[in-house]
Protein backbone atom coordinates (compact mmCIF):
# COMPACT_ATOMS: atom_id res chain seq x y z
CA MET A 1 -18.36 -60.48 -23.91
CA VAL A 2 -17.39 -56.72 -24.98
CA SER A 3 -17.40 -55.98 -28.55
CA ARG A 4 -15.04 -53.62 -30.50
CA ALA A 5 -17.14 -50.86 -31.32
CA ALA A 6 -17.89 -51.16 -27.15
CA GLN A 7 -14.06 -51.21 -26.43
CA ARG A 8 -13.34 -48.43 -28.80
CA ILE A 9 -16.34 -46.05 -27.42
CA SER A 10 -14.90 -47.05 -24.03
CA THR A 11 -11.18 -45.86 -24.78
CA ALA A 12 -12.26 -42.73 -26.71
CA ALA A 13 -11.53 -39.16 -25.21
CA THR A 14 -14.26 -37.29 -23.84
CA PRO A 15 -15.29 -34.15 -25.37
CA GLU A 16 -13.30 -32.07 -22.62
CA GLN A 17 -10.11 -34.01 -23.32
CA ALA A 18 -10.69 -33.80 -27.04
CA VAL A 19 -10.69 -29.79 -26.94
CA ARG A 20 -8.24 -29.33 -24.09
CA PRO A 21 -4.95 -28.11 -25.87
CA LYS A 22 -1.78 -30.03 -25.14
CA ARG A 23 0.70 -27.70 -22.55
CA ARG A 24 3.48 -26.70 -24.52
CA ARG A 25 7.49 -28.36 -23.53
CA LEU A 26 9.53 -25.57 -22.24
CA SER A 27 13.19 -25.09 -21.36
CA PRO A 28 13.94 -25.62 -17.95
CA GLU A 29 14.84 -22.05 -17.56
CA ALA A 30 11.67 -20.83 -19.10
CA ARG A 31 9.86 -23.23 -16.64
CA GLU A 32 11.40 -22.03 -14.11
CA ARG A 33 10.48 -18.33 -15.37
CA GLU A 34 7.06 -19.31 -15.41
CA ILE A 35 6.81 -20.80 -11.62
CA VAL A 36 8.66 -17.84 -10.22
CA ASP A 37 6.15 -15.61 -12.10
CA GLY A 38 2.99 -17.41 -10.90
CA ALA A 39 4.57 -17.30 -7.62
CA ILE A 40 4.86 -13.75 -7.43
CA GLN A 41 1.07 -12.97 -8.82
CA PHE A 42 -0.11 -16.07 -6.35
CA PHE A 43 1.39 -15.05 -3.22
CA ALA A 44 0.08 -11.05 -4.23
CA GLU A 45 -3.42 -12.09 -4.63
CA VAL A 46 -3.94 -14.98 -1.70
CA GLY A 47 -0.40 -14.41 0.62
CA PHE A 48 1.91 -17.03 2.39
CA GLY A 49 -1.22 -19.43 3.65
CA GLY A 50 -1.53 -20.56 -0.30
CA GLY A 51 0.09 -23.95 -0.88
CA LEU A 52 2.27 -25.53 -3.72
CA ARG A 53 -0.06 -27.79 -4.49
CA ASP A 54 -2.45 -24.75 -5.19
CA LEU A 55 0.11 -22.91 -7.07
CA ALA A 56 0.71 -26.01 -9.39
CA ARG A 57 -2.65 -26.32 -10.34
CA ARG A 58 -3.00 -22.80 -11.22
CA LEU A 59 -0.12 -23.08 -13.55
CA ASP A 60 -1.32 -26.66 -14.98
CA ILE A 61 1.78 -28.19 -13.65
CA THR A 62 2.18 -31.23 -11.80
CA HIS A 63 3.33 -30.88 -7.93
CA GLN A 64 6.25 -32.95 -8.73
CA ASN A 65 7.50 -30.82 -11.32
CA LEU A 66 7.06 -27.81 -9.10
CA PHE A 67 8.79 -29.28 -7.04
CA ARG A 68 11.97 -30.31 -9.09
CA TYR A 69 12.57 -26.80 -9.17
CA PHE A 70 11.88 -25.91 -5.88
CA PRO A 71 11.61 -28.52 -3.30
CA THR A 72 10.43 -26.32 -0.64
CA LYS A 73 8.14 -23.37 -0.05
CA GLU A 74 10.92 -21.72 1.86
CA ALA A 75 13.11 -21.90 -1.18
CA LEU A 76 10.19 -20.61 -3.63
CA ILE A 77 9.85 -17.70 -0.95
CA GLU A 78 13.42 -16.81 -1.25
CA ARG A 79 13.47 -16.61 -4.61
CA VAL A 80 10.51 -14.22 -4.62
CA TYR A 81 12.05 -12.08 -2.21
CA LEU A 82 15.16 -11.94 -4.51
CA GLU A 83 12.95 -10.95 -7.46
CA VAL A 84 10.74 -8.55 -6.19
CA TYR A 85 12.87 -6.98 -3.20
CA PHE A 86 16.82 -7.66 -3.36
CA ASN A 87 16.96 -7.29 -6.98
CA ARG A 88 15.43 -4.28 -7.68
CA TRP A 89 17.28 -2.15 -5.31
CA GLN A 90 19.47 -0.26 -7.45
CA PRO A 91 23.15 0.99 -6.00
CA GLU A 92 22.76 4.01 -7.56
CA TRP A 93 20.36 5.35 -5.26
CA GLU A 94 23.48 5.51 -2.56
CA THR A 95 25.29 7.29 -4.49
CA LEU A 96 23.22 10.08 -5.12
CA MET A 97 21.99 9.97 -1.15
CA ARG A 98 26.01 10.29 -0.52
CA ASP A 99 26.49 12.79 -3.12
CA ARG A 100 26.89 16.00 -0.71
CA SER A 101 27.37 18.50 -4.16
CA ARG A 102 23.56 18.57 -4.32
CA PRO A 103 21.29 20.00 -1.82
CA LEU A 104 19.94 17.41 0.70
CA ALA A 105 16.43 18.33 -0.54
CA ALA A 106 17.38 17.86 -4.42
CA ARG A 107 18.88 14.42 -3.51
CA LEU A 108 16.17 13.18 -1.68
CA ILE A 109 13.27 14.01 -4.55
CA ALA A 110 15.48 12.86 -7.00
CA PHE A 111 15.78 9.28 -4.70
CA TYR A 112 12.24 9.16 -4.35
CA LYS A 113 11.11 10.08 -7.55
CA SER A 114 13.54 6.77 -8.95
CA TYR A 115 12.25 4.82 -5.94
CA LEU A 116 8.87 5.36 -5.71
CA PRO A 117 7.71 3.59 -9.56
CA VAL A 118 9.80 0.65 -8.12
CA ILE A 119 7.71 -0.20 -5.15
CA PHE A 120 4.62 1.10 -6.48
CA ARG A 121 3.31 -2.04 -7.52
CA TYR A 122 0.66 -4.43 -6.57
CA ASP A 123 2.78 -7.56 -6.07
CA TRP A 124 5.65 -5.45 -4.21
CA VAL A 125 3.43 -3.80 -1.83
CA ARG A 126 0.66 -6.78 -1.18
CA ILE A 127 3.68 -9.87 -0.87
CA PHE A 128 5.37 -7.16 1.81
CA MET A 129 1.82 -7.10 3.95
CA PHE A 130 1.12 -10.52 3.47
CA ALA A 131 4.65 -11.64 4.93
CA GLY A 132 4.52 -9.58 7.62
CA LEU A 133 1.27 -11.02 8.84
CA LYS A 134 2.45 -14.32 8.32
CA GLY A 135 6.07 -14.17 10.10
CA VAL A 136 7.78 -14.75 6.87
CA ASP A 137 10.99 -12.52 7.06
CA ILE A 138 10.64 -10.40 4.11
CA PRO A 139 9.52 -6.86 5.70
CA GLN A 140 12.34 -7.02 8.27
CA ARG A 141 14.87 -8.54 5.80
CA TYR A 142 14.17 -5.62 3.10
CA ILE A 143 13.61 -2.89 5.93
CA GLY A 144 17.08 -3.72 7.11
CA ILE A 145 18.56 -2.56 3.52
CA ILE A 146 16.43 0.74 3.81
CA GLN A 147 17.81 1.11 7.43
CA ASP A 148 21.48 0.52 6.37
CA ARG A 149 21.55 2.19 3.08
CA LEU A 150 18.77 5.19 3.19
CA VAL A 151 17.59 5.88 6.77
CA GLY A 152 21.07 5.69 8.22
CA PRO A 153 22.41 8.23 6.35
CA LEU A 154 19.80 10.06 6.26
CA ALA A 155 20.19 10.73 10.16
CA LEU A 156 23.36 11.70 9.61
CA GLU A 157 22.73 14.42 7.11
CA LEU A 158 20.33 15.34 9.51
CA ARG A 159 22.85 15.95 12.11
CA GLU A 160 24.65 18.40 9.37
CA LEU A 161 21.31 20.53 8.99
CA ALA A 162 20.72 20.62 12.65
CA GLN A 163 24.18 21.41 13.60
CA THR A 164 23.99 18.69 16.25
CA ARG A 165 27.47 16.90 14.78
CA SER A 166 28.46 13.70 16.62
CA ASP A 167 30.85 10.69 15.73
CA ALA A 168 28.39 8.54 17.37
CA PRO A 169 25.94 6.14 15.19
CA PRO A 170 22.82 7.31 15.00
CA SER A 171 20.93 6.94 18.22
CA ALA A 172 17.27 4.74 17.79
CA GLN A 173 15.74 8.39 18.46
CA GLU A 174 17.67 9.62 15.36
CA LEU A 175 16.46 6.75 13.48
CA GLU A 176 13.22 7.22 14.28
CA ILE A 177 13.06 10.73 12.92
CA ALA A 178 14.88 9.58 9.50
CA TRP A 179 12.09 7.21 9.12
CA GLY A 180 9.44 9.81 9.17
CA LEU A 181 9.85 10.71 5.23
CA HIS A 182 10.04 7.09 4.16
CA GLY A 183 6.71 6.30 6.01
CA GLU A 184 5.38 8.74 4.77
CA LEU A 185 5.49 8.53 1.44
CA PHE A 186 5.08 4.17 1.42
CA TYR A 187 2.01 4.84 2.99
CA LEU A 188 0.92 6.28 -0.40
CA ALA A 189 1.57 2.71 -1.77
CA ILE A 190 -0.35 1.21 0.88
CA ARG A 191 -3.41 3.44 0.28
CA ARG A 192 -3.35 2.58 -3.64
CA TRP A 193 -2.33 -1.91 -3.61
CA VAL A 194 -4.02 -2.38 0.21
CA TYR A 195 -6.82 -0.20 0.55
CA GLY A 196 -7.51 0.11 -2.86
CA LEU A 197 -7.89 4.08 -2.73
CA ALA A 198 -7.08 6.76 -5.30
CA VAL A 199 -3.65 8.21 -5.13
CA PRO A 200 -2.84 10.74 -8.02
CA ASP A 201 -1.03 8.78 -11.47
CA ASP A 202 1.62 11.75 -10.95
CA LEU A 203 3.23 11.54 -7.53
CA SER A 204 5.67 13.95 -7.97
CA PRO A 205 3.90 17.13 -6.37
CA LEU A 206 3.33 14.86 -3.04
CA ILE A 207 7.15 13.99 -3.63
CA GLU A 208 8.16 17.89 -3.64
CA THR A 209 5.94 18.84 -0.73
CA SER A 210 6.92 15.99 1.82
CA VAL A 211 10.52 16.00 1.53
CA SER A 212 9.86 20.00 1.97
CA ARG A 213 7.33 19.50 5.27
CA PHE A 214 10.08 16.61 6.40
CA LEU A 215 13.16 19.34 6.30
CA ASP A 216 11.40 21.78 7.73
CA GLY A 217 10.54 19.84 11.02
CA ALA A 218 13.08 17.19 11.38
CA PRO A 219 16.03 19.08 12.01
CA ALA A 220 14.25 21.17 14.98
CA ALA A 221 13.25 17.84 16.36
CA LEU A 222 16.87 16.50 16.30
CA ARG A 223 17.80 19.50 17.79
CA LYS A 224 14.69 19.47 20.58
CA LEU A 225 15.92 15.48 21.12
CA GLY A 226 19.56 17.07 21.45
CA THR A 227 18.76 19.36 24.17
CA ALA A 228 16.43 16.93 25.77
CA GLN A 229 19.54 14.70 26.22
CA SER A 230 21.85 16.93 27.23
């Protein structure tokens, strides 16, 4: 027969259990915020191959508790897209790009000096790259925003500079020319957060140089394209 003392020993907490702090209770809103912030960091570190059980373990919550807020991985990925990409787009950028009272060079420099700090982040760049590799549609959706709100309007501005005016929507070739500047500047973020290479802390001189070089070459490329098509 087991003695009372033995029963007390067998049911006592282990040293690990005794020192483990109790998890603080959070409001539903705070818990959801914790999950979203944790998911952003998680996907940025390990990509989209990581499972929700792994995320729950990292957050020190049960998988069932996580499931209460995001019943599927797709639902959580959608929230990450809204948080990291869609919600960080600033409508005033579109107003800036349409303001023809300012030279195009000044508009582009002002835009990228405001835009690059928003995307020049560990989570932004790495989630973007991991999503593309895993077939998650985050890059396609965001690139659609960039093309509709920035690159397409820029292609029309380049027509004005090149004096190749047309009422037709920008062609695929015109869009490729307009994409050149954005791709060049975005590559700085890839160098920093994917390849781990040094990038200057102050990006302003690089932005100004890239815009100047782009506007020296893009209108000429557009005129050459028009000549080839005529």
